[in-house]
Amino acid sequence: MEQQKPLKKDKRALRTATKLSGIGIQMGVTIYLGNLLGAWLDQKFNTTFLEISITLLSIFLSTYLLIVKAKKLNT
């Protein structure tokens, strides 16, 4: 009887899919935590602009991290 050899392409595809789903989760968590931090700071300092500012900053940060990780996947 011949043993079946595992396909390397399937393993690579699974690893890539895992990394991509991790990137999506990381983006969502970063933006959510940025929003929570901004809302908390708005309440603490009695302001109205920190939630929006920190949420936008977290969106830019998560987009930057997405680009860096996408470049790593392509190399």
N, C-alpha and C. Protein backbone atom coordinates (compact mmCIF):
# COMPACT_ATOMS: atom_id res chain seq x y z
N MET A 1 0.83 -1.18 0.00
CA MET A 1 0.00 0.00 0.00
C MET A 1 0.88 1.25 0.00
N GLU A 2 0.43 2.21 -0.75
CA GLU A 2 1.15 3.47 -0.84
C GLU A 2 0.57 4.46 0.16
N GLN A 3 1.46 5.17 0.83
CA GLN A 3 0.99 6.21 1.74
C GLN A 3 0.69 7.46 0.95
N GLN A 4 -0.36 8.15 1.36
CA GLN A 4 -0.70 9.39 0.70
C GLN A 4 0.20 10.50 1.24
N LYS A 5 0.72 11.30 0.33
CA LYS A 5 1.56 12.42 0.73
C LYS A 5 0.67 13.65 0.93
N PRO A 6 0.88 14.38 2.01
CA PRO A 6 0.07 15.59 2.22
C PRO A 6 0.43 16.64 1.17
N LEU A 7 -0.56 17.33 0.73
CA LEU A 7 -0.34 18.36 -0.27
C LEU A 7 0.19 19.63 0.38
N LYS A 8 1.30 20.12 -0.12
CA LYS A 8 1.89 21.34 0.45
C LYS A 8 1.04 22.56 0.13
N LYS A 9 0.39 22.54 -1.02
CA LYS A 9 -0.44 23.69 -1.40
C LYS A 9 -1.61 23.85 -0.44
N ASP A 10 -2.20 22.74 -0.02
CA ASP A 10 -3.32 22.82 0.91
C ASP A 10 -2.88 23.38 2.25
N LYS A 11 -1.71 22.99 2.72
CA LYS A 11 -1.20 23.50 3.99
C LYS A 11 -0.89 24.98 3.89
N ARG A 12 -0.31 25.38 2.77
CA ARG A 12 0.00 26.81 2.59
C ARG A 12 -1.28 27.63 2.52
N ALA A 13 -2.27 27.12 1.83
CA ALA A 13 -3.54 27.85 1.72
C ALA A 13 -4.20 27.99 3.08
N LEU A 14 -4.13 26.93 3.88
CA LEU A 14 -4.72 26.98 5.21
C LEU A 14 -3.98 27.98 6.10
N ARG A 15 -2.66 27.98 6.02
CA ARG A 15 -1.88 28.95 6.81
C ARG A 15 -2.19 30.38 6.39
N THR A 16 -2.28 30.61 5.09
CA THR A 16 -2.59 31.95 4.60
C THR A 16 -3.98 32.38 5.05
N ALA A 17 -4.94 31.49 4.97
CA ALA A 17 -6.30 31.82 5.41
C ALA A 17 -6.33 32.11 6.91
N THR A 18 -5.56 31.38 7.68
CA THR A 18 -5.49 31.62 9.12
C THR A 18 -4.89 32.98 9.41
N LYS A 19 -3.83 33.31 8.72
CA LYS A 19 -3.19 34.61 8.93
C LYS A 19 -4.13 35.75 8.53
N LEU A 20 -4.84 35.58 7.42
CA LEU A 20 -5.75 36.63 6.97
C LEU A 20 -6.92 36.81 7.94
N SER A 21 -7.43 35.73 8.48
CA SER A 21 -8.52 35.88 9.44
C SER A 21 -8.01 36.53 10.72
N GLY A 22 -6.78 36.23 11.09
CA GLY A 22 -6.19 36.88 12.26
C GLY A 22 -6.03 38.37 12.05
N ILE A 23 -5.69 38.78 10.83
CA ILE A 23 -5.55 40.20 10.52
C ILE A 23 -6.90 40.90 10.66
N GLY A 24 -7.95 40.26 10.18
CA GLY A 24 -9.29 40.86 10.29
C GLY A 24 -9.73 41.02 11.73
N ILE A 25 -9.46 40.01 12.53
CA ILE A 25 -9.81 40.07 13.95
C ILE A 25 -9.00 41.17 14.63
N GLN A 26 -7.71 41.26 14.31
CA GLN A 26 -6.86 42.28 14.90
C GLN A 26 -7.36 43.68 14.54
N MET A 27 -7.77 43.88 13.30
CA MET A 27 -8.30 45.19 12.89
C MET A 27 -9.54 45.54 13.71
N GLY A 28 -10.46 44.59 13.82
CA GLY A 28 -11.69 44.87 14.55
C GLY A 28 -11.44 45.18 16.01
N VAL A 29 -10.56 44.43 16.63
CA VAL A 29 -10.26 44.64 18.05
C VAL A 29 -9.56 45.98 18.25
N THR A 30 -8.63 46.33 17.37
CA THR A 30 -7.92 47.60 17.50
C THR A 30 -8.87 48.78 17.39
N ILE A 31 -9.76 48.73 16.42
CA ILE A 31 -10.72 49.82 16.24
C ILE A 31 -11.70 49.88 17.41
N TYR A 32 -12.16 48.74 17.86
CA TYR A 32 -13.10 48.71 18.99
C TYR A 32 -12.46 49.26 20.26
N LEU A 33 -11.24 48.83 20.54
CA LEU A 33 -10.56 49.32 21.74
C LEU A 33 -10.25 50.82 21.64
N GLY A 34 -9.92 51.29 20.44
CA GLY A 34 -9.71 52.72 20.25
C GLY A 34 -10.97 53.51 20.51
N ASN A 35 -12.10 52.99 20.07
CA ASN A 35 -13.37 53.64 20.32
C ASN A 35 -13.70 53.66 21.81
N LEU A 36 -13.49 52.54 22.48
CA LEU A 36 -13.75 52.49 23.93
C LEU A 36 -12.85 53.47 24.69
N LEU A 37 -11.58 53.52 24.31
CA LEU A 37 -10.66 54.44 24.98
C LEU A 37 -11.09 55.88 24.76
N GLY A 38 -11.47 56.20 23.53
CA GLY A 38 -11.92 57.57 23.24
C GLY A 38 -13.17 57.95 24.01
N ALA A 39 -14.12 57.02 24.10
CA ALA A 39 -15.36 57.30 24.85
C ALA A 39 -15.05 57.49 26.33
N TRP A 40 -14.16 56.66 26.86
CA TRP A 40 -13.80 56.79 28.27
C TRP A 40 -13.10 58.13 28.54
N LEU A 41 -12.19 58.52 27.64
CA LEU A 41 -11.50 59.80 27.81
C LEU A 41 -12.47 60.98 27.67
N ASP A 42 -13.44 60.86 26.77
CA ASP A 42 -14.46 61.92 26.65
C ASP A 42 -15.24 62.10 27.95
N GLN A 43 -15.60 61.00 28.58
CA GLN A 43 -16.32 61.10 29.85
C GLN A 43 -15.42 61.64 30.94
N LYS A 44 -14.17 61.19 30.98
CA LYS A 44 -13.26 61.59 32.04
C LYS A 44 -12.94 63.08 31.98
N PHE A 45 -12.69 63.59 30.78
CA PHE A 45 -12.29 64.99 30.63
C PHE A 45 -13.42 65.89 30.16
N ASN A 46 -14.62 65.35 30.05
CA ASN A 46 -15.81 66.12 29.68
C ASN A 46 -15.61 66.84 28.34
N THR A 47 -15.19 66.07 27.32
CA THR A 47 -14.99 66.61 25.98
C THR A 47 -15.87 65.84 25.00
N THR A 48 -15.84 66.26 23.75
CA THR A 48 -16.66 65.58 22.73
C THR A 48 -15.86 65.14 21.51
N PHE A 49 -14.58 65.45 21.45
CA PHE A 49 -13.81 65.17 20.24
C PHE A 49 -12.85 63.99 20.37
N LEU A 50 -12.58 63.52 21.56
CA LEU A 50 -11.57 62.47 21.74
C LEU A 50 -12.01 61.12 21.20
N GLU A 51 -13.28 60.80 21.34
CA GLU A 51 -13.75 59.50 20.84
C GLU A 51 -13.56 59.41 19.32
N ILE A 52 -13.95 60.44 18.62
CA ILE A 52 -13.80 60.44 17.16
C ILE A 52 -12.33 60.43 16.77
N SER A 53 -11.53 61.25 17.44
CA SER A 53 -10.11 61.36 17.10
C SER A 53 -9.37 60.05 17.33
N ILE A 54 -9.58 59.44 18.47
CA ILE A 54 -8.86 58.20 18.79
C ILE A 54 -9.38 57.04 17.94
N THR A 55 -10.67 57.04 17.62
CA THR A 55 -11.20 56.01 16.73
C THR A 55 -10.58 56.12 15.35
N LEU A 56 -10.47 57.33 14.83
CA LEU A 56 -9.82 57.52 13.52
C LEU A 56 -8.35 57.13 13.58
N LEU A 57 -7.68 57.46 14.65
CA LEU A 57 -6.28 57.08 14.81
C LEU A 57 -6.13 55.55 14.83
N SER A 58 -7.05 54.88 15.51
CA SER A 58 -6.98 53.42 15.56
C SER A 58 -7.30 52.80 14.19
N ILE A 59 -8.16 53.44 13.40
CA ILE A 59 -8.43 52.95 12.05
C ILE A 59 -7.17 53.07 11.19
N PHE A 60 -6.49 54.20 11.27
CA PHE A 60 -5.25 54.37 10.51
C PHE A 60 -4.19 53.38 10.96
N LEU A 61 -4.08 53.18 12.26
CA LEU A 61 -3.10 52.24 12.79
C LEU A 61 -3.39 50.82 12.32
N SER A 62 -4.63 50.40 12.38
CA SER A 62 -4.97 49.04 11.96
C SER A 62 -4.79 48.87 10.45
N THR A 63 -5.04 49.92 9.67
CA THR A 63 -4.80 49.85 8.23
C THR A 63 -3.31 49.72 7.94
N TYR A 64 -2.50 50.47 8.67
CA TYR A 64 -1.05 50.37 8.51
C TYR A 64 -0.56 48.96 8.84
N LEU A 65 -1.04 48.41 9.94
CA LEU A 65 -0.65 47.05 10.32
C LEU A 65 -1.11 46.02 9.28
N LEU A 66 -2.28 46.26 8.69
CA LEU A 66 -2.77 45.38 7.63
C LEU A 66 -1.83 45.40 6.44
N ILE A 67 -1.38 46.58 6.04
CA ILE A 67 -0.48 46.70 4.89
C ILE A 67 0.84 46.01 5.17
N VAL A 68 1.38 46.20 6.38
CA VAL A 68 2.65 45.57 6.74
C VAL A 68 2.53 44.05 6.70
N LYS A 69 1.46 43.52 7.26
CA LYS A 69 1.28 42.06 7.26
C LYS A 69 1.01 41.51 5.87
N ALA A 70 0.30 42.27 5.04
CA ALA A 70 0.04 41.83 3.67
C ALA A 70 1.33 41.76 2.87
N LYS A 71 2.22 42.72 3.12
CA LYS A 71 3.52 42.69 2.43
C LYS A 71 4.32 41.47 2.87
N LYS A 72 4.25 41.13 4.14
CA LYS A 72 4.96 39.94 4.64
C LYS A 72 4.41 38.67 4.00
N LEU A 73 3.11 38.61 3.80
CA LEU A 73 2.50 37.42 3.20
C LEU A 73 2.93 37.25 1.74
N ASN A 74 3.15 38.37 1.06
CA ASN A 74 3.52 38.30 -0.36
C ASN A 74 4.99 38.00 -0.60
N THR A 75 5.81 38.11 0.43
CA THR A 75 7.23 37.84 0.22
C THR A 75 7.58 36.43 0.55
